[in-house]
């Protein structure tokens, strides 16, 4: 799925730079963020706070870090990660190349955004 703009909820984004530049992001409703962060951090969260936000940022950073390490090892492409950001804008503008991938769990849907 693609879109020209998106109304974020709990939107975390991270830019990868180097010979290629891309942005990966995740977004979900607050209750889904709490459930997802609880599972990821193996802690019980009951409200959306800085711990939930930090868990989501860590999740995105970990997976992007694995991608950059694999790109370096497999195709000798050195990429750099910028720090993950919690986006609070009411509307996020999307490039036409941005893919939106919904992942449906029993506790809700997580949206993954990939833009080259």
PDB file of N, CA and C in Angstrom:
ATOM      1  N   UNK A   1       0.852  -1.172   0.000  1.00  0.00           N
ATOM      2  CA  UNK A   1       0.000   0.000   0.000  1.00  0.00           C
ATOM      3  C   UNK A   1       0.898   1.235   0.000  1.00  0.00           C
ATOM      4  N   UNK A   2       0.468   2.279  -0.684  1.00  0.00           N
ATOM      5  CA  UNK A   2       1.177   3.556  -0.658  1.00  0.00           C
ATOM      6  C   UNK A   2       0.175   4.656  -0.342  1.00  0.00           C
ATOM      7  N   UNK A   3       0.674   5.815   0.101  1.00  0.00           N
ATOM      8  CA  UNK A   3      -0.173   6.970   0.401  1.00  0.00           C
ATOM      9  C   UNK A   3       0.676   8.229   0.281  1.00  0.00           C
ATOM     10  N   UNK A   4       0.030   9.370   0.017  1.00  0.00           N
ATOM     11  CA  UNK A   4       0.786  10.615  -0.090  1.00  0.00           C
ATOM     12  C   UNK A   4       0.952  11.287   1.268  1.00  0.00           C
ATOM     13  N   UNK A   5       0.035  11.007   2.180  1.00  0.00           N
ATOM     14  CA  UNK A   5       0.186  11.496   3.552  1.00  0.00           C
ATOM     15  C   UNK A   5      -0.463  10.514   4.513  1.00  0.00           C
ATOM     16  N   UNK A   6      -0.056  10.631   5.778  1.00  0.00           N
ATOM     17  CA  UNK A   6      -0.476   9.648   6.776  1.00  0.00           C
ATOM     18  C   UNK A   6      -0.674  10.361   8.102  1.00  0.00           C
ATOM     19  N   UNK A   7      -1.725   9.999   8.823  1.00  0.00           N
ATOM     20  CA  UNK A   7      -1.986  10.553  10.158  1.00  0.00           C
ATOM     21  C   UNK A   7      -1.404   9.598  11.192  1.00  0.00           C
ATOM     22  N   UNK A   8      -0.260   9.965  11.788  1.00  0.00           N
ATOM     23  CA  UNK A   8       0.424   9.034  12.700  1.00  0.00           C
ATOM     24  C   UNK A   8      -0.220   8.945  14.073  1.00  0.00           C
ATOM     25  N   UNK A   9       0.074   7.841  14.731  1.00  0.00           N
ATOM     26  CA  UNK A   9      -0.340   7.625  16.117  1.00  0.00           C
ATOM     27  C   UNK A   9       0.914   7.610  16.988  1.00  0.00           C
ATOM     28  N   UNK A  10       1.552   6.447  17.096  1.00  0.00           N
ATOM     29  CA  UNK A  10       2.832   6.292  17.803  1.00  0.00           C
ATOM     30  C   UNK A  10       3.867   5.977  16.730  1.00  0.00           C
ATOM     31  N   UNK A  11       4.364   7.014  16.085  1.00  0.00           N
ATOM     32  CA  UNK A  11       5.182   6.901  14.878  1.00  0.00           C
ATOM     33  C   UNK A  11       6.650   7.068  15.235  1.00  0.00           C
ATOM     34  N   UNK A  12       7.445   6.029  14.974  1.00  0.00           N
ATOM     35  CA  UNK A  12       8.887   6.055  15.207  1.00  0.00           C
ATOM     36  C   UNK A  12       9.561   5.887  13.850  1.00  0.00           C
ATOM     37  N   UNK A  13      10.552   6.738  13.569  1.00  0.00           N
ATOM     38  CA  UNK A  13      11.196   6.718  12.266  1.00  0.00           C
ATOM     39  C   UNK A  13      12.715   6.755  12.422  1.00  0.00           C
ATOM     40  N   UNK A  14      13.419   6.167  11.454  1.00  0.00           N
ATOM     41  CA  UNK A  14      14.880   6.173  11.481  1.00  0.00           C
ATOM     42  C   UNK A  14      15.408   6.228  10.050  1.00  0.00           C
ATOM     43  N   UNK A  15      16.377   7.112   9.842  1.00  0.00           N
ATOM     44  CA  UNK A  15      16.985   7.284   8.525  1.00  0.00           C
ATOM     45  C   UNK A  15      18.295   6.507   8.454  1.00  0.00           C
ATOM     46  N   UNK A  16      18.497   5.859   7.315  1.00  0.00           N
ATOM     47  CA  UNK A  16      19.735   5.135   7.022  1.00  0.00           C
ATOM     48  C   UNK A  16      20.396   5.861   5.862  1.00  0.00           C
ATOM     49  N   UNK A  17      21.672   6.238   6.037  1.00  0.00           N
ATOM     50  CA  UNK A  17      22.366   6.985   4.994  1.00  0.00           C
ATOM     51  C   UNK A  17      23.620   6.245   4.540  1.00  0.00           C
ATOM     52  N   UNK A  18      24.089   6.605   3.369  1.00  0.00           N
ATOM     53  CA  UNK A  18      25.274   6.003   2.773  1.00  0.00           C
ATOM     54  C   UNK A  18      25.105   6.004   1.274  1.00  0.00           C
ATOM     55  N   UNK A  19      25.665   5.004   0.577  1.00  0.00           N
ATOM     56  CA  UNK A  19      25.484   4.912  -0.871  1.00  0.00           C
ATOM     57  C   UNK A  19      24.001   4.857  -1.271  1.00  0.00           C
ATOM     58  N   UNK A  20      23.173   4.327  -0.383  1.00  0.00           N
ATOM     59  CA  UNK A  20      21.722   4.415  -0.548  1.00  0.00           C
ATOM     60  C   UNK A  20      21.173   5.128   0.684  1.00  0.00           C
ATOM     61  N   UNK A  21      20.078   5.822   0.510  1.00  0.00           N
ATOM     62  CA  UNK A  21      19.419   6.477   1.639  1.00  0.00           C
ATOM     63  C   UNK A  21      18.005   5.932   1.716  1.00  0.00           C
ATOM     64  N   UNK A  22      17.616   5.530   2.906  1.00  0.00           N
ATOM     65  CA  UNK A  22      16.252   5.056   3.091  1.00  0.00           C
ATOM     66  C   UNK A  22      15.775   5.432   4.493  1.00  0.00           C
ATOM     67  N   UNK A  23      14.487   5.383   4.650  1.00  0.00           N
ATOM     68  CA  UNK A  23      13.864   5.662   5.939  1.00  0.00           C
ATOM     69  C   UNK A  23      12.934   4.506   6.252  1.00  0.00           C
ATOM     70  N   UNK A  24      13.056   3.982   7.446  1.00  0.00           N
ATOM     71  CA  UNK A  24      12.106   2.965   7.895  1.00  0.00           C
ATOM     72  C   UNK A  24      11.409   3.503   9.138  1.00  0.00           C
ATOM     73  N   UNK A  25      10.134   3.180   9.236  1.00  0.00           N
ATOM     74  CA  UNK A  25       9.323   3.691  10.338  1.00  0.00           C
ATOM     75  C   UNK A  25       8.330   2.626  10.759  1.00  0.00           C
ATOM     76  N   UNK A  26       7.838   2.783  11.973  1.00  0.00           N
ATOM     77  CA  UNK A  26       6.742   1.955  12.454  1.00  0.00           C
ATOM     78  C   UNK A  26       5.703   2.874  13.068  1.00  0.00           C
ATOM     79  N   UNK A  27       4.460   2.453  13.008  1.00  0.00           N
ATOM     80  CA  UNK A  27       3.378   3.221  13.621  1.00  0.00           C
ATOM     81  C   UNK A  27       2.313   2.257  14.101  1.00  0.00           C
ATOM     82  N   UNK A  28       1.632   2.653  15.168  1.00  0.00           N
ATOM     83  CA  UNK A  28       0.553   1.838  15.727  1.00  0.00           C
ATOM     84  C   UNK A  28      -0.251   2.697  16.701  1.00  0.00           C
ATOM     85  N   UNK A  29      -1.438   2.239  17.025  1.00  0.00           N
ATOM     86  CA  UNK A  29      -2.262   2.896  18.040  1.00  0.00           C
ATOM     87  C   UNK A  29      -1.574   2.759  19.397  1.00  0.00           C
ATOM     88  N   UNK A  30      -1.922   3.633  20.332  1.00  0.00           N
ATOM     89  CA  UNK A  30      -1.272   3.610  21.656  1.00  0.00           C
ATOM     90  C   UNK A  30      -1.431   2.276  22.366  1.00  0.00           C
ATOM     91  N   UNK A  31      -2.638   1.707  22.346  1.00  0.00           N
ATOM     92  CA  UNK A  31      -2.841   0.431  23.050  1.00  0.00           C
ATOM     93  C   UNK A  31      -2.022  -0.693  22.405  1.00  0.00           C
ATOM     94  N   UNK A  32      -1.859  -0.639  21.091  1.00  0.00           N
ATOM     95  CA  UNK A  32      -1.038  -1.627  20.393  1.00  0.00           C
ATOM     96  C   UNK A  32       0.439  -1.409  20.746  1.00  0.00           C
ATOM     97  N   UNK A  33       0.846  -0.137  20.842  1.00  0.00           N
ATOM     98  CA  UNK A  33       2.230   0.191  21.215  1.00  0.00           C
ATOM     99  C   UNK A  33       2.555  -0.343  22.605  1.00  0.00           C
ATOM    100  N   UNK A  34       1.634  -0.197  23.526  1.00  0.00           N
ATOM    101  CA  UNK A  34       1.834  -0.683  24.892  1.00  0.00           C
ATOM    102  C   UNK A  34       1.977  -2.208  24.896  1.00  0.00           C
ATOM    103  N   UNK A  35       1.087  -2.888  24.179  1.00  0.00           N
ATOM    104  CA  UNK A  35       1.144  -4.357  24.116  1.00  0.00           C
ATOM    105  C   UNK A  35       2.418  -4.819  23.418  1.00  0.00           C
ATOM    106  N   UNK A  36       2.776  -4.177  22.306  1.00  0.00           N
ATOM    107  CA  UNK A  36       3.971  -4.563  21.555  1.00  0.00           C
ATOM    108  C   UNK A  36       5.228  -4.335  22.385  1.00  0.00           C
ATOM    109  N   UNK A  37       5.334  -3.163  23.020  1.00  0.00           N
ATOM    110  CA  UNK A  37       6.505  -2.853  23.847  1.00  0.00           C
ATOM    111  C   UNK A  37       6.599  -3.806  25.032  1.00  0.00           C
ATOM    112  N   UNK A  38       5.481  -4.168  25.605  1.00  0.00           N
ATOM    113  CA  UNK A  38       5.486  -5.120  26.729  1.00  0.00           C
ATOM    114  C   UNK A  38       6.064  -6.459  26.298  1.00  0.00           C
ATOM    115  N   UNK A  39       5.681  -6.906  25.122  1.00  0.00           N
ATOM    116  CA  UNK A  39       6.204  -8.177  24.615  1.00  0.00           C
ATOM    117  C   UNK A  39       7.683  -8.050  24.249  1.00  0.00           C
ATOM    118  N   UNK A  40       8.040  -6.962  23.583  1.00  0.00           N
ATOM    119  CA  UNK A  40       9.424  -6.775  23.135  1.00  0.00           C
ATOM    120  C   UNK A  40      10.380  -6.639  24.324  1.00  0.00           C
ATOM    121  N   UNK A  41      10.012  -5.819  25.306  1.00  0.00           N
ATOM    122  CA  UNK A  41      10.888  -5.556  26.448  1.00  0.00           C
ATOM    123  C   UNK A  41      10.750  -6.608  27.556  1.00  0.00           C
ATOM    124  N   UNK A  42       9.760  -7.481  27.411  1.00  0.00           N
ATOM    125  CA  UNK A  42       9.481  -8.500  28.433  1.00  0.00           C
ATOM    126  C   UNK A  42       9.239  -7.849  29.791  1.00  0.00           C
ATOM    127  N   UNK A  43       8.461  -6.750  29.735  1.00  0.00           N
ATOM    128  CA  UNK A  43       8.042  -6.022  30.933  1.00  0.00           C
ATOM    129  C   UNK A  43       6.568  -5.679  30.743  1.00  0.00           C
ATOM    130  N   UNK A  44       5.857  -5.456  31.813  1.00  0.00           N
ATOM    131  CA  UNK A  44       4.440  -5.119  31.701  1.00  0.00           C
ATOM    132  C   UNK A  44       4.262  -3.604  31.760  1.00  0.00           C
ATOM    133  N   UNK A  45       3.881  -3.018  30.633  1.00  0.00           N
ATOM    134  CA  UNK A  45       3.577  -1.591  30.574  1.00  0.00           C
ATOM    135  C   UNK A  45       2.065  -1.416  30.580  1.00  0.00           C
ATOM    136  N   UNK A  46       1.594  -0.377  31.239  1.00  0.00           N
ATOM    137  CA  UNK A  46       0.152  -0.132  31.321  1.00  0.00           C
ATOM    138  C   UNK A  46      -0.271   1.179  30.692  1.00  0.00           C
ATOM    139  N   UNK A  47       0.696   2.042  30.361  1.00  0.00           N
ATOM    140  CA  UNK A  47       0.371   3.315  29.717  1.00  0.00           C
ATOM    141  C   UNK A  47       1.479   3.688  28.742  1.00  0.00           C
ATOM    142  N   UNK A  48       1.130   4.522  27.757  1.00  0.00           N
ATOM    143  CA  UNK A  48       2.126   4.974  26.800  1.00  0.00           C
ATOM    144  C   UNK A  48       2.974   6.042  27.481  1.00  0.00           C
ATOM    145  N   UNK A  49       4.233   5.714  27.714  1.00  0.00           N
ATOM    146  CA  UNK A  49       5.143   6.643  28.385  1.00  0.00           C
ATOM    147  C   UNK A  49       6.509   6.550  27.724  1.00  0.00           C
ATOM    148  N   UNK A  50       7.525   7.149  28.355  1.00  0.00           N
ATOM    149  CA  UNK A  50       8.862   7.166  27.760  1.00  0.00           C
ATOM    150  C   UNK A  50       9.479   5.766  27.664  1.00  0.00           C
ATOM    151  N   UNK A  51       9.048   4.829  28.512  1.00  0.00           N
ATOM    152  CA  UNK A  51       9.565   3.464  28.448  1.00  0.00           C
ATOM    153  C   UNK A  51       9.030   2.729  27.219  1.00  0.00           C
ATOM    154  N   UNK A  52       7.763   2.922  26.941  1.00  0.00           N
ATOM    155  CA  UNK A  52       7.165   2.329  25.743  1.00  0.00           C
ATOM    156  C   UNK A  52       7.818   2.932  24.502  1.00  0.00           C
ATOM    157  N   UNK A  53       7.945   4.247  24.488  1.00  0.00           N
ATOM    158  CA  UNK A  53       8.582   4.922  23.356  1.00  0.00           C
ATOM    159  C   UNK A  53      10.011   4.433  23.160  1.00  0.00           C
ATOM    160  N   UNK A  54      10.778   4.314  24.239  1.00  0.00           N
ATOM    161  CA  UNK A  54      12.165   3.831  24.153  1.00  0.00           C
ATOM    162  C   UNK A  54      12.214   2.395  23.646  1.00  0.00           C
ATOM    163  N   UNK A  55      11.253   1.565  24.031  1.00  0.00           N
ATOM    164  CA  UNK A  55      11.205   0.180  23.556  1.00  0.00           C
ATOM    165  C   UNK A  55      10.950   0.130  22.055  1.00  0.00           C
ATOM    166  N   UNK A  56      10.040   0.969  21.565  1.00  0.00           N
ATOM    167  CA  UNK A  56       9.754   1.019  20.133  1.00  0.00           C
ATOM    168  C   UNK A  56      10.974   1.523  19.359  1.00  0.00           C
ATOM    169  N   UNK A  57      11.638   2.543  19.894  1.00  0.00           N
ATOM    170  CA  UNK A  57      12.849   3.065  19.256  1.00  0.00           C
ATOM    171  C   UNK A  57      13.942   2.002  19.224  1.00  0.00           C
ATOM    172  N   UNK A  58      14.090   1.258  20.313  1.00  0.00           N
ATOM    173  CA  UNK A  58      15.097   0.198  20.378  1.00  0.00           C
ATOM    174  C   UNK A  58      14.791  -0.907  19.373  1.00  0.00           C
ATOM    175  N   UNK A  59      13.529  -1.283  19.256  1.00  0.00           N
ATOM    176  CA  UNK A  59      13.123  -2.304  18.294  1.00  0.00           C
ATOM    177  C   UNK A  59      13.508  -1.887  16.870  1.00  0.00           C
ATOM    178  N   UNK A  60      13.161  -0.668  16.489  1.00  0.00           N
ATOM    179  CA  UNK A  60      13.466  -0.195  15.138  1.00  0.00           C
ATOM    180  C   UNK A  60      14.979  -0.097  14.925  1.00  0.00           C
ATOM    181  N   UNK A  61      15.686   0.438  15.909  1.00  0.00           N
ATOM    182  CA  UNK A  61      17.139   0.585  15.810  1.00  0.00           C
ATOM    183  C   UNK A  61      17.834  -0.776  15.706  1.00  0.00           C
ATOM    184  N   UNK A  62      17.377  -1.747  16.461  1.00  0.00           N
ATOM    185  CA  UNK A  62      17.954  -3.092  16.410  1.00  0.00           C
ATOM    186  C   UNK A  62      17.816  -3.691  15.011  1.00  0.00           C
ATOM    187  N   UNK A  63      16.625  -3.643  14.448  1.00  0.00           N
ATOM    188  CA  UNK A  63      16.406  -4.245  13.139  1.00  0.00           C
ATOM    189  C   UNK A  63      17.118  -3.489  12.025  1.00  0.00           C
ATOM    190  N   UNK A  64      17.144  -2.169  12.102  1.00  0.00           N
ATOM    191  CA  UNK A  64      17.900  -1.409  11.107  1.00  0.00           C
ATOM    192  C   UNK A  64      19.400  -1.658  11.263  1.00  0.00           C
ATOM    193  N   UNK A  65      19.855  -1.838  12.487  1.00  0.00           N
ATOM    194  CA  UNK A  65      21.256  -2.156  12.731  1.00  0.00           C
ATOM    195  C   UNK A  65      21.637  -3.498  12.124  1.00  0.00           C
ATOM    196  N   UNK A  66      20.764  -4.486  12.248  1.00  0.00           N
ATOM    197  CA  UNK A  66      21.021  -5.788  11.627  1.00  0.00           C
ATOM    198  C   UNK A  66      21.094  -5.653  10.104  1.00  0.00           C
ATOM    199  N   UNK A  67      20.217  -4.819   9.542  1.00  0.00           N
ATOM    200  CA  UNK A  67      20.241  -4.584   8.097  1.00  0.00           C
ATOM    201  C   UNK A  67      21.567  -3.954   7.671  1.00  0.00           C
ATOM    202  N   UNK A  68      22.027  -2.932   8.395  1.00  0.00           N
ATOM    203  CA  UNK A  68      23.268  -2.258   8.001  1.00  0.00           C
ATOM    204  C   UNK A  68      24.479  -3.188   8.146  1.00  0.00           C
ATOM    205  N   UNK A  69      24.490  -4.010   9.173  1.00  0.00           N
ATOM    206  CA  UNK A  69      25.594  -4.967   9.361  1.00  0.00           C
ATOM    207  C   UNK A  69      25.602  -5.977   8.215  1.00  0.00           C
ATOM    208  N   UNK A  70      24.425  -6.478   7.840  1.00  0.00           N
ATOM    209  CA  UNK A  70      24.347  -7.436   6.736  1.00  0.00           C
ATOM    210  C   UNK A  70      24.741  -6.807   5.409  1.00  0.00           C
ATOM    211  N   UNK A  71      24.374  -5.548   5.187  1.00  0.00           N
ATOM    212  CA  UNK A  71      24.779  -4.866   3.947  1.00  0.00           C
ATOM    213  C   UNK A  71      26.294  -4.718   3.901  1.00  0.00           C
ATOM    214  N   UNK A  72      26.898  -4.432   5.030  1.00  0.00           N
ATOM    215  CA  UNK A  72      28.349  -4.301   5.095  1.00  0.00           C
ATOM    216  C   UNK A  72      29.029  -5.647   4.839  1.00  0.00           C
ATOM    217  N   UNK A  73      28.540  -6.690   5.472  1.00  0.00           N
ATOM    218  CA  UNK A  73      29.167  -8.010   5.355  1.00  0.00           C
ATOM    219  C   UNK A  73      28.936  -8.660   3.993  1.00  0.00           C
ATOM    220  N   UNK A  74      27.739  -8.479   3.440  1.00  0.00           N
ATOM    221  CA  UNK A  74      27.380  -9.201   2.214  1.00  0.00           C
ATOM    222  C   UNK A  74      27.713  -8.477   0.919  1.00  0.00           C
ATOM    223  N   UNK A  75      27.622  -7.141   0.922  1.00  0.00           N
ATOM    224  CA  UNK A  75      27.871  -6.409  -0.330  1.00  0.00           C
ATOM    225  C   UNK A  75      28.864  -5.260  -0.137  1.00  0.00           C
ATOM    226  N   UNK A  76      29.572  -5.261   0.990  1.00  0.00           N
ATOM    227  CA  UNK A  76      30.585  -4.246   1.301  1.00  0.00           C
ATOM    228  C   UNK A  76      30.057  -2.816   1.164  1.00  0.00           C
ATOM    229  N   UNK A  77      28.812  -2.603   1.584  1.00  0.00           N
ATOM    230  CA  UNK A  77      28.208  -1.274   1.561  1.00  0.00           C
ATOM    231  C   UNK A  77      28.109  -0.746   2.989  1.00  0.00           C
ATOM    232  N   UNK A  78      28.823   0.327   3.262  1.00  0.00           N
ATOM    233  CA  UNK A  78      28.818   0.917   4.597  1.00  0.00           C
ATOM    234  C   UNK A  78      27.665   1.912   4.715  1.00  0.00           C
ATOM    235  N   UNK A  79      26.770   1.649   5.649  1.00  0.00           N
ATOM    236  CA  UNK A  79      25.618   2.508   5.893  1.00  0.00           C
ATOM    237  C   UNK A  79      25.676   3.032   7.315  1.00  0.00           C
ATOM    238  N   UNK A  80      25.053   4.182   7.531  1.00  0.00           N
ATOM    239  CA  UNK A  80      25.040   4.811   8.846  1.00  0.00           C
ATOM    240  C   UNK A  80      23.598   5.000   9.302  1.00  0.00           C
ATOM    241  N   UNK A  81      23.359   4.726  10.575  1.00  0.00           N
ATOM    242  CA  UNK A  81      22.035   4.938  11.164  1.00  0.00           C
ATOM    243  C   UNK A  81      21.993   6.275  11.883  1.00  0.00           C
ATOM    244  N   UNK A  82      20.955   7.055  11.621  1.00  0.00           N
ATOM    245  CA  UNK A  82      20.697   8.240  12.436  1.00  0.00           C
ATOM    246  C   UNK A  82      19.864   7.769  13.629  1.00  0.00           C
ATOM    247  N   UNK A  83      19.829   8.551  14.697  1.00  0.00           N
ATOM    248  CA  UNK A  83      19.027   8.128  15.859  1.00  0.00           C
ATOM    249  C   UNK A  83      17.542   8.023  15.499  1.00  0.00           C
ATOM    250  N   UNK A  84      16.839   7.065  16.097  1.00  0.00           N
ATOM    251  CA  UNK A  84      15.400   6.980  15.849  1.00  0.00           C
ATOM    252  C   UNK A  84      14.692   8.205  16.431  1.00  0.00           C
ATOM    253  N   UNK A  85      13.610   8.602  15.761  1.00  0.00           N
ATOM    254  CA  UNK A  85      12.850   9.775  16.185  1.00  0.00           C
ATOM    255  C   UNK A  85      11.397   9.403  16.428  1.00  0.00           C
ATOM    256  N   UNK A  86      10.825   9.972  17.478  1.00  0.00           N
ATOM    257  CA  UNK A  86       9.392   9.841  17.719  1.00  0.00           C
ATOM    258  C   UNK A  86       8.736  11.035  17.036  1.00  0.00           C
ATOM    259  N   UNK A  87       7.973  10.773  15.984  1.00  0.00           N
ATOM    260  CA  UNK A  87       7.362  11.833  15.189  1.00  0.00           C
ATOM    261  C   UNK A  87       6.015  12.197  15.790  1.00  0.00           C
ATOM    262  N   UNK A  88       5.834  13.491  16.098  1.00  0.00           N
ATOM    263  CA  UNK A  88       4.588  13.950  16.718  1.00  0.00           C
ATOM    264  C   UNK A  88       3.779  14.864  15.801  1.00  0.00           C
ATOM    265  N   UNK A  89       4.217  15.019  14.551  1.00  0.00           N
ATOM    266  CA  UNK A  89       3.472  15.849  13.605  1.00  0.00           C
ATOM    267  C   UNK A  89       2.076  15.262  13.393  1.00  0.00           C
ATOM    268  N   UNK A  90       1.062  16.128  13.182  1.00  0.00           N
ATOM    269  CA  UNK A  90      -0.295  15.605  12.970  1.00  0.00           C
ATOM    270  C   UNK A  90      -0.462  14.874  11.639  1.00  0.00           C
ATOM    271  N   UNK A  91       0.370  15.238  10.642  1.00  0.00           N
ATOM    272  CA  UNK A  91       0.332  14.573   9.336  1.00  0.00           C
ATOM    273  C   UNK A  91       1.774  14.369   8.883  1.00  0.00           C
ATOM    274  N   UNK A  92       2.068  13.177   8.380  1.00  0.00           N
ATOM    275  CA  UNK A  92       3.397  12.870   7.846  1.00  0.00           C
ATOM    276  C   UNK A  92       3.255  12.777   6.324  1.00  0.00           C
ATOM    277  N   UNK A  93       4.047  13.574   5.608  1.00  0.00           N
ATOM    278  CA  UNK A  93       4.045  13.521   4.145  1.00  0.00           C
ATOM    279  C   UNK A  93       4.811  12.288   3.690  1.00  0.00           C
ATOM    280  N   UNK A  94       4.268  11.595   2.718  1.00  0.00           N
ATOM    281  CA  UNK A  94       4.874  10.374   2.203  1.00  0.00           C
ATOM    282  C   UNK A  94       5.329  10.594   0.765  1.00  0.00           C
ATOM    283  N   UNK A  95       6.461  10.024   0.436  1.00  0.00           N
ATOM    284  CA  UNK A  95       6.950   9.985  -0.936  1.00  0.00           C
ATOM    285  C   UNK A  95       6.192   8.875  -1.665  1.00  0.00           C
ATOM    286  N   UNK A  96       6.042   8.993  -2.979  1.00  0.00           N
ATOM    287  CA  UNK A  96       5.312   7.955  -3.719  1.00  0.00           C
ATOM    288  C   UNK A  96       5.999   6.597  -3.682  1.00  0.00           C
ATOM    289  N   UNK A  97       7.277   6.580  -3.289  1.00  0.00           N
ATOM    290  CA  UNK A  97       7.985   5.301  -3.196  1.00  0.00           C
ATOM    291  C   UNK A  97       7.829   4.638  -1.818  1.00  0.00           C
ATOM    292  N   UNK A  98       7.168   5.300  -0.883  1.00  0.00           N
ATOM    293  CA  UNK A  98       7.003   4.738   0.460  1.00  0.00           C
ATOM    294  C   UNK A  98       6.008   3.584   0.449  1.00  0.00           C
ATOM    295  N   UNK A  99       6.456   2.445   0.933  1.00  0.00           N
ATOM    296  CA  UNK A  99       5.578   1.283   1.077  1.00  0.00           C
ATOM    297  C   UNK A  99       5.057   1.235   2.502  1.00  0.00           C
ATOM    298  N   UNK A 100       3.792   0.913   2.654  1.00  0.00           N
ATOM    299  CA  UNK A 100       3.180   0.742   3.971  1.00  0.00           C
ATOM    300  C   UNK A 100       2.744  -0.710   4.072  1.00  0.00           C
ATOM    301  N   UNK A 101       3.321  -1.406   5.046  1.00  0.00           N
ATOM    302  CA  UNK A 101       3.051  -2.832   5.207  1.00  0.00           C
ATOM    303  C   UNK A 101       2.360  -3.051   6.551  1.00  0.00           C
ATOM    304  N   UNK A 102       1.078  -3.407   6.546  1.00  0.00           N
ATOM    305  CA  UNK A 102       0.407  -3.697   7.817  1.00  0.00           C
ATOM    306  C   UNK A 102       0.734  -5.117   8.281  1.00  0.00           C
ATOM    307  N   UNK A 103       1.085  -5.242   9.549  1.00  0.00           N
ATOM    308  CA  UNK A 103       1.330  -6.548  10.165  1.00  0.00           C
ATOM    309  C   UNK A 103       0.269  -6.706  11.257  1.00  0.00           C
ATOM    310  N   UNK A 104      -0.562  -7.714  11.113  1.00  0.00           N
ATOM    311  CA  UNK A 104      -1.693  -7.884  12.023  1.00  0.00           C
ATOM    312  C   UNK A 104      -1.343  -8.929  13.083  1.00  0.00           C
ATOM    313  N   UNK A 105      -1.402  -8.487  14.331  1.00  0.00           N
ATOM    314  CA  UNK A 105      -1.204  -9.364  15.483  1.00  0.00           C
ATOM    315  C   UNK A 105      -2.530  -9.519  16.214  1.00  0.00           C
ATOM    316  N   UNK A 106      -2.584 -10.406  17.172  1.00  0.00           N
ATOM    317  CA  UNK A 106      -3.811 -10.588  17.950  1.00  0.00           C
ATOM    318  C   UNK A 106      -4.144  -9.356  18.777  1.00  0.00           C
ATOM    319  N   UNK A 107      -3.141  -8.556  19.129  1.00  0.00           N
ATOM    320  CA  UNK A 107      -3.350  -7.371  19.962  1.00  0.00           C
ATOM    321  C   UNK A 107      -3.501  -6.090  19.136  1.00  0.00           C
ATOM    322  N   UNK A 108      -3.401  -6.164  17.808  1.00  0.00           N
ATOM    323  CA  UNK A 108      -3.587  -4.994  16.962  1.00  0.00           C
ATOM    324  C   UNK A 108      -2.661  -5.013  15.745  1.00  0.00           C
ATOM    325  N   UNK A 109      -2.699  -3.932  14.988  1.00  0.00           N
ATOM    326  CA  UNK A 109      -1.928  -3.836  13.748  1.00  0.00           C
ATOM    327  C   UNK A 109      -0.771  -2.877  13.892  1.00  0.00           C
ATOM    328  N   UNK A 110       0.387  -3.309  13.411  1.00  0.00           N
ATOM    329  CA  UNK A 110       1.593  -2.462  13.348  1.00  0.00           C
ATOM    330  C   UNK A 110       1.831  -2.179  11.874  1.00  0.00           C
ATOM    331  N   UNK A 111       2.084  -0.910  11.571  1.00  0.00           N
ATOM    332  CA  UNK A 111       2.354  -0.504  10.201  1.00  0.00           C
ATOM    333  C   UNK A 111       3.850  -0.253  10.048  1.00  0.00           C
ATOM    334  N   UNK A 112       4.452  -0.885   9.059  1.00  0.00           N
ATOM    335  CA  UNK A 112       5.867  -0.686   8.744  1.00  0.00           C
ATOM    336  C   UNK A 112       5.939   0.153   7.481  1.00  0.00           C
ATOM    337  N   UNK A 113       6.755   1.199   7.511  1.00  0.00           N
ATOM    338  CA  UNK A 113       6.940   2.100   6.377  1.00  0.00           C
ATOM    339  C   UNK A 113       8.376   1.966   5.876  1.00  0.00           C
ATOM    340  N   UNK A 114       8.529   1.805   4.575  1.00  0.00           N
ATOM    341  CA  UNK A 114       9.853   1.729   3.970  1.00  0.00           C
ATOM    342  C   UNK A 114       9.891   2.710   2.800  1.00  0.00           C
ATOM    343  N   UNK A 115      10.860   3.607   2.826  1.00  0.00           N
ATOM    344  CA  UNK A 115      11.020   4.598   1.759  1.00  0.00           C
ATOM    345  C   UNK A 115      12.458   4.628   1.302  1.00  0.00           C
ATOM    346  N   UNK A 116      12.690   4.531  -0.007  1.00  0.00           N
ATOM    347  CA  UNK A 116      14.018   4.622  -0.574  1.00  0.00           C
ATOM    348  C   UNK A 116      14.218   6.003  -1.155  1.00  0.00           C
TER     349      UNK A 116
END
